[in-house]
Amino acid sequence: MRRHHSSLVSRHEDSAMSIRLPHLIGSTLLLALAWTGSGAQAQEAAPAAQPKRTILDQHEQSGVPGTEIVLGTAELPAGTVVGWHVHDGDESGYVLKGNLILKTRGKPDQALKAGDHFFNPRGAVHSLAAAPGTDGGVALSTWIIDKGKPLAEPVK
């Protein structure tokens, strides 16, 4: 009898296990899919890299009323572009690291690498881009602009 009871319990446990196992596997798959799905959504929601301009210093230009000198950097991660814009003054720049492309309307594109310098006169419509196939780069610029004007104004 005891043996019979043992086999009944064993059959009952096997039966319960055969019911629970598919349920457990199904639940695990659902959890895995939900976790993977939320991960994919999180990756899709991640913002794309953007250029970043940082102002390091700004002063009124002595002896020249109505102008100021601004010193700053432009960081361009791979695949990014600072759109077409103008400055109400002159820009003198230097590439600190990486590879960039300076685009100036009416002129051929200028490939720039670390150590190269560039100049944009007042009103020149230009754009700066990370060179294709590179990690981008960083430029340091000094602007001498009209006081009270924005550093850059977008142009179409």
Protein backbone atom coordinates (compact mmCIF):
# COMPACT_ATOMS: atom_id res chain seq x y z
CA MET A 1 0.00 0.00 0.00
CA ARG A 2 2.70 2.32 0.89
CA ARG A 3 4.27 1.67 -2.45
CA HIS A 4 0.98 2.38 -4.14
CA HIS A 5 0.65 5.65 -2.21
CA SER A 6 4.14 6.60 -3.22
CA SER A 7 3.37 5.97 -6.85
CA LEU A 8 0.14 7.97 -6.56
CA VAL A 9 2.04 10.89 -5.07
CA SER A 10 4.66 10.55 -7.72
CA ARG A 11 2.01 10.50 -10.46
CA HIS A 12 0.30 13.50 -8.86
CA GLU A 13 3.61 15.39 -8.69
CA ASP A 14 4.40 14.45 -12.29
CA SER A 15 0.96 15.63 -13.34
CA ALA A 16 1.33 18.90 -11.43
CA MET A 17 4.83 19.38 -12.83
CA SER A 18 3.61 18.77 -16.37
CA ILE A 19 0.96 21.47 -15.83
CA ARG A 20 3.33 23.93 -14.11
CA LEU A 21 6.28 23.50 -16.47
CA PRO A 22 4.58 24.85 -19.61
CA HIS A 23 3.08 27.66 -17.53
CA LEU A 24 6.52 28.46 -16.10
CA ILE A 25 8.14 28.39 -19.54
CA GLY A 26 5.37 30.57 -20.99
CA SER A 27 5.69 33.08 -18.14
CA THR A 28 9.45 33.19 -18.55
CA LEU A 29 9.10 33.80 -22.28
CA LEU A 30 6.58 36.59 -21.68
CA LEU A 31 8.91 38.23 -19.16
CA ALA A 32 11.85 37.92 -21.55
CA LEU A 33 9.82 39.43 -24.40
CA ALA A 34 8.58 42.27 -22.21
CA TRP A 35 12.10 42.99 -20.99
CA THR A 36 13.52 42.88 -24.53
CA GLY A 37 10.69 45.04 -25.82
CA SER A 38 11.20 47.67 -23.14
CA GLY A 39 14.93 47.63 -23.87
CA ALA A 40 14.27 48.20 -27.55
CA GLN A 41 11.93 51.07 -26.73
CA ALA A 42 14.56 52.58 -24.44
CA GLN A 43 17.12 52.36 -27.25
CA GLU A 44 14.71 53.97 -29.71
CA ALA A 45 13.95 56.76 -27.23
CA ALA A 46 17.64 57.57 -26.67
CA PRO A 47 18.34 61.01 -28.13
CA ALA A 48 20.66 61.23 -31.10
CA ALA A 49 24.00 62.92 -30.61
CA GLN A 50 23.92 66.68 -31.13
CA PRO A 51 26.60 69.33 -31.63
CA LYS A 52 27.35 71.27 -28.46
CA ARG A 53 28.58 74.85 -28.25
CA THR A 54 30.16 75.95 -24.96
CA ILE A 55 30.96 79.59 -24.20
CA LEU A 56 34.22 79.76 -22.23
CA ASP A 57 34.71 83.53 -21.88
CA GLN A 58 33.04 86.77 -22.94
CA HIS A 59 34.23 90.41 -22.60
CA GLU A 60 33.53 93.85 -24.04
CA GLN A 61 36.21 94.69 -26.56
CA SER A 62 38.28 97.54 -25.14
CA GLY A 63 38.59 100.60 -27.35
CA VAL A 64 35.85 99.41 -29.69
CA PRO A 65 32.46 100.44 -28.31
CA GLY A 66 29.55 98.15 -29.12
CA THR A 67 31.59 94.99 -29.66
CA GLU A 68 32.46 92.00 -27.54
CA ILE A 69 34.90 89.12 -27.74
CA VAL A 70 33.53 85.62 -27.17
CA LEU A 71 35.62 82.49 -26.76
CA GLY A 72 34.00 79.07 -27.10
CA THR A 73 34.10 75.52 -28.35
CA ALA A 74 31.96 73.52 -30.73
CA GLU A 75 31.92 69.76 -30.15
CA LEU A 76 30.62 67.74 -33.09
CA PRO A 77 30.12 64.02 -32.43
CA ALA A 78 30.21 61.63 -35.40
CA GLY A 79 27.48 62.32 -37.95
CA THR A 80 26.47 65.74 -36.59
CA VAL A 81 26.26 69.14 -38.26
CA VAL A 82 25.94 72.72 -37.02
CA GLY A 83 23.35 74.08 -39.44
CA TRP A 84 23.80 77.04 -41.77
CA HIS A 85 24.25 80.27 -39.80
CA VAL A 86 25.91 83.70 -39.71
CA HIS A 87 27.62 85.81 -37.06
CA ASP A 88 27.30 89.58 -36.57
CA GLY A 89 31.08 89.81 -36.57
CA ASP A 90 34.21 87.81 -37.38
CA GLU A 91 35.06 84.25 -36.28
CA SER A 92 38.57 82.86 -36.04
CA GLY A 93 38.73 79.15 -35.26
CA TYR A 94 41.15 76.32 -34.55
CA VAL A 95 40.49 72.56 -34.64
CA LEU A 96 41.52 71.06 -31.31
CA LYS A 97 40.83 67.44 -32.21
CA GLY A 98 39.27 65.25 -34.85
CA ASN A 99 38.13 65.93 -38.38
CA LEU A 100 35.61 68.54 -39.46
CA ILE A 101 34.25 69.99 -42.69
CA LEU A 102 33.71 73.76 -42.97
CA LYS A 103 31.07 74.60 -45.56
CA THR A 104 30.84 78.21 -46.69
CA ARG A 105 28.25 79.26 -49.28
CA GLY A 106 29.92 80.15 -52.55
CA LYS A 107 33.18 78.34 -51.67
CA PRO A 108 34.41 74.74 -51.87
CA ASP A 109 34.13 72.68 -48.67
CA GLN A 110 37.23 72.85 -46.49
CA ALA A 111 38.41 69.62 -44.78
CA LEU A 112 39.89 70.43 -41.38
CA LYS A 113 41.90 68.25 -39.01
CA ALA A 114 43.40 68.84 -35.57
CA GLY A 115 45.83 71.75 -35.80
CA ASP A 116 44.09 73.48 -38.73
CA HIS A 117 42.60 76.98 -38.43
CA PHE A 118 39.76 78.74 -40.22
CA PHE A 119 38.18 82.18 -40.56
CA ASN A 120 34.60 83.29 -41.19
CA PRO A 121 34.17 87.01 -41.92
CA ARG A 122 31.10 88.92 -40.76
CA GLY A 123 27.98 87.71 -42.52
CA ALA A 124 29.53 84.62 -44.18
CA VAL A 125 26.86 81.91 -44.35
CA HIS A 126 28.54 78.74 -43.14
CA SER A 127 28.10 75.36 -41.50
CA LEU A 128 30.43 73.01 -39.64
CA ALA A 129 30.11 69.22 -39.83
CA ALA A 130 31.82 66.14 -38.44
CA ALA A 131 33.77 64.66 -41.36
CA PRO A 132 31.98 61.54 -42.68
CA GLY A 133 33.41 58.25 -41.40
CA THR A 134 35.15 59.88 -38.43
CA ASP A 135 34.45 60.35 -34.72
CA GLY A 136 33.84 64.07 -35.35
CA GLY A 137 35.87 66.77 -33.66
CA VAL A 138 36.15 69.86 -31.51
CA ALA A 139 36.85 73.42 -32.64
CA LEU A 140 37.83 76.42 -30.52
CA SER A 141 36.62 79.78 -31.84
CA THR A 142 36.97 83.44 -30.98
CA TRP A 143 34.19 85.70 -32.21
CA ILE A 144 34.31 89.49 -32.26
CA ILE A 145 30.65 90.37 -32.56
CA ASP A 146 28.25 93.26 -32.14
CA LYS A 147 27.31 93.57 -28.47
CA GLY A 148 23.76 92.50 -27.67
CA LYS A 149 23.40 90.38 -30.80
CA PRO A 150 23.05 86.59 -30.66
CA LEU A 151 26.31 84.70 -31.19
CA ALA A 152 24.85 82.93 -34.24
CA GLU A 153 21.72 83.39 -36.30
CA PRO A 154 20.31 80.46 -38.29
CA VAL A 155 20.01 80.82 -42.06
CA LYS A 156 18.14 78.59 -44.49
